[in-house]
Amino acid sequence: MARWLRRPLRTRVIGPVYDPARDRNSRGEAGPLADSLDAVVHLPRLDPTTLAM
């Protein structure tokens, strides 16, 4: 198994309100990627968002 699959999964999560002074609080960590996810999908596409009301 590849080494990167055994490393801890570190994720940066930014919600609807972002405070740069508290950037360190916007990170989460889980177990190894291979144990935390069933699949990894990369979609090389970027679309603009729309505000849903």
C-alpha atoms as a PDB file:
ATOM      1  CA  MET A   1       0.000   0.000   0.000  1.00  0.00           C
ATOM      2  CA  ALA A   2       1.245   3.496  -0.825  1.00  0.00           C
ATOM      3  CA  ARG A   3       2.711   5.490   2.062  1.00  0.00           C
ATOM      4  CA  TRP A   4       0.327   8.435   1.530  1.00  0.00           C
ATOM      5  CA  LEU A   5      -2.635   6.114   2.206  1.00  0.00           C
ATOM      6  CA  ARG A   6      -1.261   5.257   5.665  1.00  0.00           C
ATOM      7  CA  ARG A   7      -0.685   8.865   6.783  1.00  0.00           C
ATOM      8  CA  PRO A   8      -3.254  10.718   8.943  1.00  0.00           C
ATOM      9  CA  LEU A   9      -5.924  12.510   6.932  1.00  0.00           C
ATOM     10  CA  ARG A  10      -5.570  16.262   7.503  1.00  0.00           C
ATOM     11  CA  THR A  11      -8.345  18.456   6.188  1.00  0.00           C
ATOM     12  CA  ARG A  12      -8.865  22.196   6.114  1.00  0.00           C
ATOM     13  CA  VAL A  13     -12.528  23.074   6.607  1.00  0.00           C
ATOM     14  CA  ILE A  14     -13.848  26.575   6.064  1.00  0.00           C
ATOM     15  CA  GLY A  15     -17.534  27.145   6.749  1.00  0.00           C
ATOM     16  CA  PRO A  16     -19.766  30.079   5.824  1.00  0.00           C
ATOM     17  CA  VAL A  17     -17.958  32.383   8.266  1.00  0.00           C
ATOM     18  CA  TYR A  18     -14.155  32.491   8.120  1.00  0.00           C
ATOM     19  CA  ASP A  19     -11.967  34.336  10.606  1.00  0.00           C
ATOM     20  CA  PRO A  20      -8.295  34.426   9.505  1.00  0.00           C
ATOM     21  CA  ALA A  21      -7.240  34.988  13.135  1.00  0.00           C
ATOM     22  CA  ARG A  22      -8.650  31.528  14.000  1.00  0.00           C
ATOM     23  CA  ASP A  23      -7.276  29.711  10.936  1.00  0.00           C
ATOM     24  CA  ARG A  24      -5.655  26.952  13.048  1.00  0.00           C
ATOM     25  CA  ASN A  25      -9.134  26.001  14.313  1.00  0.00           C
ATOM     26  CA  SER A  26     -10.226  25.318  10.724  1.00  0.00           C
ATOM     27  CA  ARG A  27      -8.300  22.054  10.474  1.00  0.00           C
ATOM     28  CA  GLY A  28      -9.366  18.530  11.266  1.00  0.00           C
ATOM     29  CA  GLU A  29      -7.522  15.245  11.456  1.00  0.00           C
ATOM     30  CA  ALA A  30      -8.735  11.662  11.097  1.00  0.00           C
ATOM     31  CA  GLY A  31      -7.100   8.261  10.920  1.00  0.00           C
ATOM     32  CA  PRO A  32      -5.182   7.035   7.879  1.00  0.00           C
ATOM     33  CA  LEU A  33      -6.787   7.862   4.546  1.00  0.00           C
ATOM     34  CA  ALA A  34      -7.209   4.186   3.665  1.00  0.00           C
ATOM     35  CA  ASP A  35      -9.265   3.668   6.870  1.00  0.00           C
ATOM     36  CA  SER A  36     -11.212   6.950   6.679  1.00  0.00           C
ATOM     37  CA  LEU A  37     -12.544   6.928   3.116  1.00  0.00           C
ATOM     38  CA  ASP A  38     -14.083   4.360   0.789  1.00  0.00           C
ATOM     39  CA  ALA A  39     -13.055   6.184  -2.389  1.00  0.00           C
ATOM     40  CA  VAL A  40     -11.067   9.180  -3.564  1.00  0.00           C
ATOM     41  CA  VAL A  41     -12.453  10.929  -6.629  1.00  0.00           C
ATOM     42  CA  HIS A  42     -10.779  13.804  -8.439  1.00  0.00           C
ATOM     43  CA  LEU A  43     -12.948  15.820 -10.827  1.00  0.00           C
ATOM     44  CA  PRO A  44     -10.809  18.341 -12.728  1.00  0.00           C
ATOM     45  CA  ARG A  45     -13.670  20.810 -13.199  1.00  0.00           C
ATOM     46  CA  LEU A  46     -14.568  24.083 -11.522  1.00  0.00           C
ATOM     47  CA  ASP A  47     -17.979  25.728 -11.788  1.00  0.00           C
ATOM     48  CA  PRO A  48     -19.244  28.974 -10.284  1.00  0.00           C
ATOM     49  CA  THR A  49     -21.555  28.659  -7.306  1.00  0.00           C
ATOM     50  CA  THR A  50     -25.069  30.064  -7.131  1.00  0.00           C
ATOM     51  CA  LEU A  51     -26.787  31.416  -4.062  1.00  0.00           C
ATOM     52  CA  ALA A  52     -29.762  29.213  -3.149  1.00  0.00           C
ATOM     53  CA  MET A  53     -32.517  30.990  -1.256  1.00  0.00           C
END
